[in-house]
Amino acid sequence: MVESLNNQSGLNYTFDDVVEAYNQVLDYCVFYKEFGAGKLIYPEKDVLHFQDCRVLFTIDFVVLLVTFVLIIVLNIVQKIKRVVIFKPTTYLVAGIFTIVLPCVLVGICSIDFNEAFMTFHRIFFPGKDNFMFRSWENYIILIMPEEFFMVCAIVIASGFFIGATVLIIIGLIKRRKIVKRKKSFDIYENY
């Protein structure tokens, strides 16, 4: 990556320069710090794309937080009120859906990653083309090449798979407990 950056730019960036630029861009998107890309050159108009990205990051974090709080509250209500909100099949269906969704996305991306990338940007950044960075004027794209986004997709899909596995295991454990309880009641009813 550093070698590619130096070849393209004709400058002599170090690995630390790249890490600093990467961290500053992500700090801008995630922690709302001032935009920066370290020593890397970038046109001001490309900052607009990172503003758009920051909105998506914020939406993701809000959805994550709301979902997390909602699940905790519903589990507490379920325990206190002794009502069934989450049945074992709820966990199983959610787990299966969580596995199917990334499988479909990975399949689409593996067929034509460039088209998937463009479609993603057309959906989430409608009417904008400021994500089309030009490597000869914006070196940020050289530290976040296509492979970077493929790795991001793999990490996200892995997170989905881990979450799905946890949901399926919870569903199976809960289902097994219910079946055991039901069998023990059936034994007593037969007497």
N, C-alpha and C. Protein backbone atom coordinates (compact mmCIF):
# COMPACT_ATOMS: atom_id res chain seq x y z
N MET A 1 0.82 -1.18 0.00
CA MET A 1 0.00 0.00 0.00
C MET A 1 0.88 1.26 0.00
N VAL A 2 1.84 1.33 0.88
CA VAL A 2 2.73 2.50 0.94
C VAL A 2 3.52 2.61 -0.36
N GLU A 3 3.97 1.47 -0.88
CA GLU A 3 4.72 1.48 -2.13
C GLU A 3 3.85 2.00 -3.28
N SER A 4 2.62 1.55 -3.33
CA SER A 4 1.69 2.01 -4.37
C SER A 4 1.44 3.51 -4.24
N LEU A 5 1.26 3.97 -3.00
CA LEU A 5 1.06 5.40 -2.75
C LEU A 5 2.26 6.21 -3.21
N ASN A 6 3.45 5.75 -2.88
CA ASN A 6 4.66 6.48 -3.26
C ASN A 6 4.87 6.45 -4.77
N ASN A 7 4.60 5.33 -5.41
CA ASN A 7 4.73 5.24 -6.87
C ASN A 7 3.77 6.20 -7.56
N GLN A 8 2.52 6.24 -7.08
CA GLN A 8 1.50 7.08 -7.69
C GLN A 8 1.78 8.56 -7.44
N SER A 9 2.17 8.88 -6.21
CA SER A 9 2.32 10.29 -5.83
C SER A 9 3.68 10.87 -6.21
N GLY A 10 4.68 10.00 -6.32
CA GLY A 10 6.03 10.49 -6.56
C GLY A 10 6.64 11.07 -5.29
N LEU A 11 5.94 10.90 -4.18
CA LEU A 11 6.42 11.40 -2.89
C LEU A 11 6.94 10.23 -2.07
N ASN A 12 7.40 10.51 -0.86
CA ASN A 12 7.98 9.46 -0.04
C ASN A 12 7.23 9.37 1.30
N TYR A 13 6.02 8.81 1.25
CA TYR A 13 5.24 8.63 2.47
C TYR A 13 5.74 7.39 3.20
N THR A 14 5.63 7.44 4.53
CA THR A 14 6.01 6.28 5.35
C THR A 14 4.75 5.54 5.77
N PHE A 15 4.94 4.36 6.33
CA PHE A 15 3.82 3.59 6.85
C PHE A 15 3.09 4.38 7.93
N ASP A 16 3.83 5.09 8.77
CA ASP A 16 3.22 5.92 9.83
C ASP A 16 2.36 7.04 9.24
N ASP A 17 2.79 7.60 8.10
CA ASP A 17 2.00 8.63 7.43
C ASP A 17 0.65 8.05 6.99
N VAL A 18 0.68 6.84 6.47
CA VAL A 18 -0.54 6.18 6.00
C VAL A 18 -1.46 5.89 7.17
N VAL A 19 -0.91 5.37 8.26
CA VAL A 19 -1.72 5.05 9.45
C VAL A 19 -2.33 6.33 10.02
N GLU A 20 -1.55 7.39 10.07
CA GLU A 20 -2.07 8.66 10.57
C GLU A 20 -3.23 9.16 9.71
N ALA A 21 -3.08 9.12 8.41
CA ALA A 21 -4.14 9.57 7.50
C ALA A 21 -5.40 8.72 7.67
N TYR A 22 -5.22 7.42 7.70
CA TYR A 22 -6.34 6.49 7.87
C TYR A 22 -7.07 6.77 9.18
N ASN A 23 -6.32 6.91 10.26
CA ASN A 23 -6.93 7.16 11.57
C ASN A 23 -7.68 8.49 11.60
N GLN A 24 -7.12 9.51 10.97
CA GLN A 24 -7.79 10.81 10.97
C GLN A 24 -9.10 10.76 10.18
N VAL A 25 -9.10 10.05 9.07
CA VAL A 25 -10.34 9.93 8.27
C VAL A 25 -11.39 9.18 9.07
N LEU A 26 -11.03 8.07 9.71
CA LEU A 26 -12.00 7.32 10.50
C LEU A 26 -12.43 8.09 11.75
N ASP A 27 -11.52 8.82 12.38
CA ASP A 27 -11.89 9.65 13.54
C ASP A 27 -12.92 10.70 13.12
N TYR A 28 -12.78 11.23 11.94
CA TYR A 28 -13.74 12.20 11.41
C TYR A 28 -15.11 11.54 11.24
N CYS A 29 -15.13 10.36 10.64
CA CYS A 29 -16.40 9.67 10.37
C CYS A 29 -17.07 9.15 11.63
N VAL A 30 -16.30 8.62 12.56
CA VAL A 30 -16.87 7.94 13.73
C VAL A 30 -16.99 8.86 14.94
N PHE A 31 -15.96 9.66 15.20
CA PHE A 31 -15.93 10.45 16.43
C PHE A 31 -16.18 11.94 16.21
N TYR A 32 -16.52 12.33 14.98
CA TYR A 32 -16.84 13.72 14.65
C TYR A 32 -15.69 14.68 14.94
N LYS A 33 -14.48 14.20 14.78
CA LYS A 33 -13.32 15.09 14.91
C LYS A 33 -13.17 15.88 13.61
N GLU A 34 -12.32 16.87 13.62
CA GLU A 34 -12.07 17.69 12.43
C GLU A 34 -11.46 16.81 11.34
N PHE A 35 -11.84 17.06 10.08
CA PHE A 35 -11.34 16.24 8.99
C PHE A 35 -9.85 16.47 8.79
N GLY A 36 -9.15 15.39 8.55
CA GLY A 36 -7.75 15.47 8.21
C GLY A 36 -7.32 14.17 7.56
N ALA A 37 -6.26 14.23 6.81
CA ALA A 37 -5.71 13.03 6.18
C ALA A 37 -4.19 13.05 6.34
N GLY A 38 -3.76 13.53 7.50
CA GLY A 38 -2.32 13.57 7.76
C GLY A 38 -1.60 14.37 6.69
N LYS A 39 -0.55 13.78 6.15
CA LYS A 39 0.26 14.44 5.12
C LYS A 39 -0.27 14.19 3.71
N LEU A 40 -1.31 13.35 3.59
CA LEU A 40 -1.82 13.01 2.26
C LEU A 40 -2.55 14.19 1.64
N ILE A 41 -2.42 14.30 0.34
CA ILE A 41 -3.06 15.36 -0.43
C ILE A 41 -4.48 14.91 -0.79
N TYR A 42 -5.43 15.85 -0.66
CA TYR A 42 -6.81 15.56 -1.05
C TYR A 42 -7.50 16.87 -1.43
N PRO A 43 -8.37 16.81 -2.43
CA PRO A 43 -9.13 18.01 -2.79
C PRO A 43 -10.24 18.26 -1.76
N GLU A 44 -10.54 19.50 -1.52
CA GLU A 44 -11.58 19.85 -0.54
C GLU A 44 -12.93 19.24 -0.91
N LYS A 45 -13.22 19.12 -2.22
CA LYS A 45 -14.52 18.59 -2.62
C LYS A 45 -14.72 17.15 -2.17
N ASP A 46 -13.63 16.41 -1.99
CA ASP A 46 -13.75 15.02 -1.57
C ASP A 46 -14.11 14.89 -0.10
N VAL A 47 -13.92 15.96 0.67
CA VAL A 47 -14.32 15.94 2.08
C VAL A 47 -15.84 15.77 2.15
N LEU A 48 -16.56 16.26 1.14
CA LEU A 48 -18.01 16.14 1.12
C LEU A 48 -18.45 14.66 1.16
N HIS A 49 -17.70 13.79 0.51
CA HIS A 49 -18.05 12.37 0.55
C HIS A 49 -17.90 11.83 1.97
N PHE A 50 -16.87 12.25 2.66
CA PHE A 50 -16.67 11.77 4.02
C PHE A 50 -17.73 12.34 4.96
N GLN A 51 -18.27 13.52 4.63
CA GLN A 51 -19.41 14.03 5.40
C GLN A 51 -20.61 13.11 5.21
N ASP A 52 -20.83 12.67 3.98
CA ASP A 52 -21.92 11.72 3.70
C ASP A 52 -21.69 10.40 4.43
N CYS A 53 -20.45 9.94 4.44
CA CYS A 53 -20.12 8.69 5.13
C CYS A 53 -20.38 8.82 6.63
N ARG A 54 -20.06 9.98 7.16
CA ARG A 54 -20.26 10.21 8.59
C ARG A 54 -21.74 10.07 8.95
N VAL A 55 -22.62 10.52 8.06
CA VAL A 55 -24.06 10.37 8.30
C VAL A 55 -24.43 8.88 8.36
N LEU A 56 -23.89 8.07 7.44
CA LEU A 56 -24.16 6.64 7.47
C LEU A 56 -23.62 5.98 8.74
N PHE A 57 -22.43 6.35 9.15
CA PHE A 57 -21.86 5.82 10.40
C PHE A 57 -22.79 6.15 11.57
N THR A 58 -23.27 7.39 11.62
CA THR A 58 -24.14 7.82 12.71
C THR A 58 -25.44 7.02 12.70
N ILE A 59 -26.03 6.85 11.53
CA ILE A 59 -27.26 6.05 11.43
C ILE A 59 -27.01 4.63 11.92
N ASP A 60 -25.89 4.03 11.50
CA ASP A 60 -25.55 2.67 11.94
C ASP A 60 -25.45 2.59 13.46
N PHE A 61 -24.76 3.54 14.07
CA PHE A 61 -24.57 3.51 15.52
C PHE A 61 -25.90 3.73 16.26
N VAL A 62 -26.75 4.61 15.74
CA VAL A 62 -28.05 4.85 16.37
C VAL A 62 -28.91 3.59 16.28
N VAL A 63 -28.95 2.96 15.12
CA VAL A 63 -29.72 1.72 14.96
C VAL A 63 -29.18 0.64 15.90
N LEU A 64 -27.87 0.51 15.98
CA LEU A 64 -27.26 -0.47 16.88
C LEU A 64 -27.66 -0.20 18.33
N LEU A 65 -27.56 1.04 18.76
CA LEU A 65 -27.89 1.40 20.14
C LEU A 65 -29.37 1.17 20.44
N VAL A 66 -30.25 1.64 19.56
CA VAL A 66 -31.69 1.48 19.76
C VAL A 66 -32.06 0.00 19.80
N THR A 67 -31.51 -0.78 18.89
CA THR A 67 -31.79 -2.22 18.85
C THR A 67 -31.31 -2.89 20.12
N PHE A 68 -30.10 -2.57 20.55
CA PHE A 68 -29.53 -3.15 21.76
C PHE A 68 -30.41 -2.83 22.98
N VAL A 69 -30.79 -1.57 23.13
CA VAL A 69 -31.62 -1.15 24.26
C VAL A 69 -32.99 -1.84 24.18
N LEU A 70 -33.57 -1.90 23.00
CA LEU A 70 -34.87 -2.54 22.82
C LEU A 70 -34.83 -4.02 23.20
N ILE A 71 -33.79 -4.72 22.79
CA ILE A 71 -33.67 -6.14 23.13
C ILE A 71 -33.53 -6.31 24.64
N ILE A 72 -32.74 -5.48 25.28
CA ILE A 72 -32.57 -5.57 26.74
C ILE A 72 -33.90 -5.29 27.44
N VAL A 73 -34.59 -4.23 27.04
CA VAL A 73 -35.87 -3.88 27.66
C VAL A 73 -36.89 -5.01 27.47
N LEU A 74 -36.99 -5.53 26.26
CA LEU A 74 -37.95 -6.61 26.01
C LEU A 74 -37.61 -7.87 26.79
N ASN A 75 -36.32 -8.18 26.94
CA ASN A 75 -35.93 -9.33 27.76
C ASN A 75 -36.26 -9.11 29.23
N ILE A 76 -36.08 -7.90 29.73
CA ILE A 76 -36.44 -7.59 31.12
C ILE A 76 -37.95 -7.72 31.30
N VAL A 77 -38.72 -7.14 30.39
CA VAL A 77 -40.18 -7.25 30.46
C VAL A 77 -40.60 -8.71 30.43
N GLN A 78 -39.96 -9.48 29.57
CA GLN A 78 -40.28 -10.91 29.45
C GLN A 78 -40.04 -11.63 30.77
N LYS A 79 -38.94 -11.31 31.44
CA LYS A 79 -38.61 -11.97 32.72
C LYS A 79 -39.54 -11.51 33.84
N ILE A 80 -39.76 -10.19 33.94
CA ILE A 80 -40.56 -9.63 35.04
C ILE A 80 -42.04 -9.99 34.89
N LYS A 81 -42.58 -9.78 33.72
CA LYS A 81 -44.02 -10.01 33.48
C LYS A 81 -44.34 -11.45 33.15
N ARG A 82 -43.31 -12.24 32.94
CA ARG A 82 -43.47 -13.65 32.57
C ARG A 82 -44.37 -13.81 31.33
N VAL A 83 -44.11 -12.95 30.36
CA VAL A 83 -44.78 -13.06 29.06
C VAL A 83 -43.74 -13.54 28.05
N VAL A 84 -44.22 -14.19 27.03
CA VAL A 84 -43.30 -14.70 26.02
C VAL A 84 -43.24 -13.70 24.88
N ILE A 85 -42.12 -13.01 24.77
CA ILE A 85 -41.90 -12.07 23.67
C ILE A 85 -40.99 -12.74 22.64
N PHE A 86 -39.92 -13.33 23.15
CA PHE A 86 -38.97 -14.01 22.27
C PHE A 86 -39.14 -15.52 22.45
N LYS A 87 -39.77 -16.14 21.47
CA LYS A 87 -39.89 -17.60 21.48
C LYS A 87 -38.60 -18.17 20.92
N PRO A 88 -38.33 -19.44 21.20
CA PRO A 88 -37.12 -20.05 20.63
C PRO A 88 -37.07 -19.93 19.11
N THR A 89 -38.22 -20.04 18.46
CA THR A 89 -38.23 -19.93 16.99
C THR A 89 -37.87 -18.52 16.54
N THR A 90 -38.14 -17.51 17.39
CA THR A 90 -37.76 -16.13 17.06
C THR A 90 -36.25 -16.05 16.89
N TYR A 91 -35.52 -16.65 17.82
CA TYR A 91 -34.05 -16.65 17.75
C TYR A 91 -33.57 -17.43 16.52
N LEU A 92 -34.20 -18.58 16.28
CA LEU A 92 -33.79 -19.41 15.14
C LEU A 92 -34.02 -18.69 13.81
N VAL A 93 -35.21 -18.11 13.66
CA VAL A 93 -35.53 -17.39 12.41
C VAL A 93 -34.61 -16.19 12.24
N ALA A 94 -34.38 -15.43 13.32
CA ALA A 94 -33.49 -14.27 13.24
C ALA A 94 -32.07 -14.71 12.89
N GLY A 95 -31.62 -15.81 13.47
CA GLY A 95 -30.29 -16.33 13.17
C GLY A 95 -30.15 -16.77 11.73
N ILE A 96 -31.16 -17.47 11.24
CA ILE A 96 -31.12 -17.95 9.84
C ILE A 96 -31.14 -16.76 8.89
N PHE A 97 -32.02 -15.78 9.15
CA PHE A 97 -32.09 -14.58 8.31
C PHE A 97 -30.76 -13.84 8.32
N THR A 98 -30.13 -13.79 9.50
CA THR A 98 -28.86 -13.09 9.64
C THR A 98 -27.74 -13.80 8.88
N ILE A 99 -27.87 -15.08 8.68
CA ILE A 99 -26.89 -15.81 7.87
C ILE A 99 -27.19 -15.65 6.37
N VAL A 100 -28.46 -15.69 6.01
CA VAL A 100 -28.85 -15.62 4.60
C VAL A 100 -28.50 -14.26 4.00
N LEU A 101 -28.77 -13.18 4.73
CA LEU A 101 -28.52 -11.83 4.20
C LEU A 101 -27.06 -11.63 3.79
N PRO A 102 -26.07 -11.90 4.66
CA PRO A 102 -24.70 -11.71 4.21
C PRO A 102 -24.29 -12.67 3.11
N CYS A 103 -24.86 -13.88 3.11
CA CYS A 103 -24.54 -14.83 2.03
C CYS A 103 -24.97 -14.25 0.68
N VAL A 104 -26.15 -13.66 0.64
CA VAL A 104 -26.63 -13.04 -0.60
C VAL A 104 -25.72 -11.88 -0.99
N LEU A 105 -25.38 -11.03 -0.01
CA LEU A 105 -24.52 -9.89 -0.30
C LEU A 105 -23.13 -10.32 -0.76
N VAL A 106 -22.56 -11.33 -0.10
CA VAL A 106 -21.24 -11.83 -0.50
C VAL A 106 -21.32 -12.42 -1.91
N GLY A 107 -22.40 -13.13 -2.20
CA GLY A 107 -22.58 -13.68 -3.55
C GLY A 107 -22.62 -12.59 -4.60
N ILE A 108 -23.38 -11.54 -4.33
CA ILE A 108 -23.48 -10.42 -5.27
C ILE A 108 -22.12 -9.76 -5.45
N CYS A 109 -21.42 -9.52 -4.33
CA CYS A 109 -20.11 -8.87 -4.39
C CYS A 109 -19.08 -9.73 -5.11
N SER A 110 -19.16 -11.04 -4.94
CA SER A 110 -18.16 -11.90 -5.58
C SER A 110 -18.39 -12.02 -7.09
N ILE A 111 -19.61 -11.79 -7.54
CA ILE A 111 -19.89 -11.83 -8.98
C ILE A 111 -19.26 -10.62 -9.66
N ASP A 112 -19.51 -9.41 -9.09
CA ASP A 112 -18.95 -8.20 -9.68
C ASP A 112 -18.83 -7.14 -8.58
N PHE A 113 -17.69 -7.11 -7.91
CA PHE A 113 -17.51 -6.21 -6.77
C PHE A 113 -17.65 -4.75 -7.20
N ASN A 114 -17.09 -4.39 -8.36
CA ASN A 114 -17.17 -2.99 -8.82
C ASN A 114 -18.62 -2.55 -8.99
N GLU A 115 -19.43 -3.39 -9.60
CA GLU A 115 -20.85 -3.04 -9.79
C GLU A 115 -21.57 -2.98 -8.45
N ALA A 116 -21.26 -3.92 -7.54
CA ALA A 116 -21.86 -3.90 -6.21
C ALA A 116 -21.48 -2.61 -5.47
N PHE A 117 -20.22 -2.22 -5.59
CA PHE A 117 -19.71 -1.00 -4.96
C PHE A 117 -20.45 0.23 -5.52
N MET A 118 -20.59 0.28 -6.84
CA MET A 118 -21.29 1.41 -7.47
C MET A 118 -22.77 1.43 -7.06
N THR A 119 -23.40 0.27 -7.03
CA THR A 119 -24.81 0.19 -6.65
C THR A 119 -25.00 0.65 -5.21
N PHE A 120 -24.11 0.20 -4.33
CA PHE A 120 -24.16 0.65 -2.93
C PHE A 120 -24.13 2.17 -2.87
N HIS A 121 -23.22 2.79 -3.60
CA HIS A 121 -23.10 4.25 -3.57
C HIS A 121 -24.30 4.93 -4.23
N ARG A 122 -24.86 4.33 -5.27
CA ARG A 122 -26.06 4.92 -5.89
C ARG A 122 -27.24 4.88 -4.93
N ILE A 123 -27.33 3.83 -4.12
CA ILE A 123 -28.44 3.70 -3.16
C ILE A 123 -28.26 4.66 -1.98
N PHE A 124 -27.07 4.66 -1.38
CA PHE A 124 -26.86 5.42 -0.16
C PHE A 124 -26.40 6.86 -0.38
N PHE A 125 -25.96 7.18 -1.58
CA PHE A 125 -25.55 8.55 -1.91
C PHE A 125 -26.22 8.96 -3.23
N PRO A 126 -27.55 8.97 -3.26
CA PRO A 126 -28.25 9.22 -4.53
C PRO A 126 -27.91 10.59 -5.13
N GLY A 127 -27.68 10.58 -6.43
CA GLY A 127 -27.41 11.81 -7.16
C GLY A 127 -26.02 12.40 -6.95
N LYS A 128 -25.15 11.67 -6.25
CA LYS A 128 -23.83 12.21 -5.97
C LYS A 128 -22.78 11.35 -6.67
N ASP A 129 -21.69 12.00 -7.06
CA ASP A 129 -20.58 11.25 -7.64
C ASP A 129 -19.26 11.60 -6.94
N ASN A 130 -19.38 12.22 -5.75
CA ASN A 130 -18.16 12.63 -5.05
C ASN A 130 -17.41 11.46 -4.42
N PHE A 131 -17.94 10.25 -4.57
CA PHE A 131 -17.21 9.07 -4.09
C PHE A 131 -16.26 8.55 -5.16
N MET A 132 -16.32 9.12 -6.34
CA MET A 132 -15.45 8.72 -7.45
C MET A 132 -14.13 9.47 -7.33
N PHE A 133 -13.29 9.03 -6.41
CA PHE A 133 -12.00 9.69 -6.18
C PHE A 133 -11.05 9.41 -7.34
N ARG A 134 -10.25 10.38 -7.64
CA ARG A 134 -9.25 10.23 -8.69
C ARG A 134 -7.89 10.09 -8.01
N SER A 135 -7.23 8.97 -8.23
CA SER A 135 -6.00 8.68 -7.48
C SER A 135 -4.88 9.68 -7.77
N TRP A 136 -4.92 10.34 -8.91
CA TRP A 136 -3.86 11.30 -9.22
C TRP A 136 -4.04 12.63 -8.50
N GLU A 137 -5.23 12.87 -7.89
CA GLU A 137 -5.41 14.10 -7.13
C GLU A 137 -5.82 13.83 -5.69
N ASN A 138 -6.12 12.60 -5.36
CA ASN A 138 -6.57 12.26 -4.02
C ASN A 138 -5.89 10.98 -3.58
N TYR A 139 -4.92 11.10 -2.71
CA TYR A 139 -4.14 9.93 -2.30
C TYR A 139 -4.86 9.09 -1.25
N ILE A 140 -5.96 9.61 -0.71
CA ILE A 140 -6.73 8.83 0.27
C ILE A 140 -7.20 7.52 -0.37
N ILE A 141 -7.61 7.59 -1.62
CA ILE A 141 -8.11 6.39 -2.29
C ILE A 141 -7.03 5.32 -2.40
N LEU A 142 -5.79 5.73 -2.40
CA LEU A 142 -4.71 4.76 -2.49
C LEU A 142 -4.49 4.00 -1.18
N ILE A 143 -4.92 4.60 -0.04
CA ILE A 143 -4.80 3.87 1.23
C ILE A 143 -6.11 3.13 1.55
N MET A 144 -7.14 3.37 0.75
CA MET A 144 -8.42 2.65 0.90
C MET A 144 -8.83 2.11 -0.47
N PRO A 145 -8.04 1.22 -1.04
CA PRO A 145 -8.35 0.69 -2.37
C PRO A 145 -9.49 -0.33 -2.29
N GLU A 146 -9.81 -0.90 -3.43
CA GLU A 146 -10.90 -1.87 -3.52
C GLU A 146 -10.71 -3.01 -2.52
N GLU A 147 -9.49 -3.46 -2.33
CA GLU A 147 -9.22 -4.56 -1.40
C GLU A 147 -9.62 -4.17 0.03
N PHE A 148 -9.42 -2.89 0.38
CA PHE A 148 -9.80 -2.40 1.70
C PHE A 148 -11.29 -2.62 1.92
N PHE A 149 -12.10 -2.25 0.92
CA PHE A 149 -13.54 -2.38 1.06
C PHE A 149 -13.98 -3.85 1.03
N MET A 150 -13.25 -4.69 0.30
CA MET A 150 -13.54 -6.12 0.33
C MET A 150 -13.29 -6.68 1.73
N VAL A 151 -12.19 -6.27 2.34
CA VAL A 151 -11.89 -6.73 3.70
C VAL A 151 -12.97 -6.22 4.67
N CYS A 152 -13.40 -4.97 4.49
CA CYS A 152 -14.48 -4.44 5.32
C CYS A 152 -15.74 -5.29 5.18
N ALA A 153 -16.07 -5.65 3.94
CA ALA A 153 -17.25 -6.49 3.69
C ALA A 153 -17.10 -7.85 4.37
N ILE A 154 -15.91 -8.41 4.33
CA ILE A 154 -15.67 -9.70 4.99
C ILE A 154 -15.81 -9.58 6.50
N VAL A 155 -15.28 -8.51 7.07
CA VAL A 155 -15.39 -8.30 8.52
C VAL A 155 -16.86 -8.13 8.91
N ILE A 156 -17.61 -7.35 8.14
CA ILE A 156 -19.03 -7.14 8.43
C ILE A 156 -19.79 -8.46 8.32
N ALA A 157 -19.54 -9.21 7.25
CA ALA A 157 -20.20 -10.51 7.07
C ALA A 157 -19.84 -11.46 8.21
N SER A 158 -18.59 -11.43 8.66
CA SER A 158 -18.17 -12.28 9.78
C SER A 158 -18.93 -11.91 11.05
N GLY A 159 -19.11 -10.62 11.25
CA GLY A 159 -19.91 -10.16 12.40
C GLY A 159 -21.33 -10.68 12.34
N PHE A 160 -21.92 -10.64 11.13
CA PHE A 160 -23.26 -11.19 10.93
C PHE A 160 -23.27 -12.68 11.27
N PHE A 161 -22.29 -13.43 10.78
CA PHE A 161 -22.24 -14.87 11.03
C PHE A 161 -22.10 -15.18 12.52
N ILE A 162 -21.25 -14.44 13.20
CA ILE A 162 -21.08 -14.66 14.64
C ILE A 162 -22.39 -14.36 15.37
N GLY A 163 -23.00 -13.23 15.05
CA GLY A 163 -24.28 -12.87 15.66
C GLY A 163 -25.36 -13.91 15.37
N ALA A 164 -25.39 -14.37 14.13
CA ALA A 164 -26.37 -15.38 13.74
C ALA A 164 -26.15 -16.68 14.49
N THR A 165 -24.91 -17.07 14.62
CA THR A 165 -24.59 -18.31 15.34
C THR A 165 -25.04 -18.21 16.79
N VAL A 166 -24.80 -17.06 17.42
CA VAL A 166 -25.23 -16.85 18.80
C VAL A 166 -26.76 -16.95 18.89
N LEU A 167 -27.47 -16.30 17.96
CA LEU A 167 -28.93 -16.37 17.97
C LEU A 167 -29.44 -17.80 17.81
N ILE A 168 -28.84 -18.53 16.89
CA ILE A 168 -29.28 -19.92 16.65
C ILE A 168 -28.99 -20.78 17.88
N ILE A 169 -27.83 -20.61 18.49
CA ILE A 169 -27.51 -21.39 19.71
C ILE A 169 -28.49 -21.06 20.83
N ILE A 170 -28.77 -19.77 21.03
CA ILE A 170 -29.75 -19.38 22.06
C ILE A 170 -31.11 -20.01 21.77
N GLY A 171 -31.54 -19.94 20.51
CA GLY A 171 -32.82 -20.53 20.13
C GLY A 171 -32.86 -22.03 20.38
N LEU A 172 -31.79 -22.73 20.03
CA LEU A 172 -31.74 -24.18 20.24
C LEU A 172 -31.73 -24.53 21.72
N ILE A 173 -30.98 -23.79 22.52
CA ILE A 173 -30.94 -24.03 23.97
C ILE A 173 -32.32 -23.80 24.58
N LYS A 174 -32.95 -22.69 24.23
CA LYS A 174 -34.27 -22.38 24.77
C LYS A 174 -35.30 -23.43 24.32
N ARG A 175 -35.20 -23.83 23.08
CA ARG A 175 -36.12 -24.85 22.56
C ARG A 175 -35.92 -26.17 23.30
N ARG A 176 -34.68 -26.52 23.53
CA ARG A 176 -34.37 -27.77 24.22
C ARG A 176 -34.92 -27.74 25.65
N LYS A 177 -34.78 -26.59 26.33
CA LYS A 177 -35.30 -26.45 27.70
C LYS A 177 -36.82 -26.62 27.71
N ILE A 178 -37.49 -26.04 26.72
CA ILE A 178 -38.95 -26.14 26.65
C ILE A 178 -39.36 -27.58 26.40
N VAL A 179 -38.67 -28.25 25.49
CA VAL A 179 -38.98 -29.65 25.19
C VAL A 179 -38.77 -30.51 26.43
N LYS A 180 -37.67 -30.30 27.17
CA LYS A 180 -37.41 -31.05 28.40
C LYS A 180 -38.51 -30.80 29.42
N ARG A 181 -38.88 -29.53 29.60
CA ARG A 181 -39.93 -29.18 30.55
C ARG A 181 -41.24 -29.84 30.17
N LYS A 182 -41.54 -29.80 28.89
CA LYS A 182 -42.79 -30.38 28.41
C LYS A 182 -42.79 -31.89 28.63
N LYS A 183 -41.67 -32.55 28.37
CA LYS A 183 -41.57 -34.00 28.59
C LYS A 183 -41.75 -34.33 30.06
N SER A 184 -41.17 -33.51 30.96
CA SER A 184 -41.31 -33.79 32.39
C SER A 184 -42.76 -33.60 32.83
N PHE A 185 -43.47 -32.62 32.26
CA PHE A 185 -44.89 -32.45 32.59
C PHE A 185 -45.71 -33.60 32.05
N ASP A 186 -45.36 -34.09 30.85
CA ASP A 186 -46.08 -35.22 30.26
C ASP A 186 -45.94 -36.46 31.12
N ILE A 187 -44.79 -36.66 31.73
CA ILE A 187 -44.57 -37.82 32.60
C ILE A 187 -45.49 -37.75 33.80
N TYR A 188 -45.60 -36.54 34.41
CA TYR A 188 -46.47 -36.38 35.59
C TYR A 188 -47.94 -36.51 35.22
N GLU A 189 -48.32 -36.08 34.02
CA GLU A 189 -49.72 -36.18 33.61
C GLU A 189 -50.14 -37.63 33.41
N ASN A 190 -49.20 -38.50 33.08
CA ASN A 190 -49.54 -39.89 32.83
C ASN A 190 -49.82 -40.66 34.13
N TYR A 191 -49.48 -40.08 35.29
CA TYR A 191 -49.72 -40.80 36.56
C TYR A 191 -51.12 -40.61 37.05
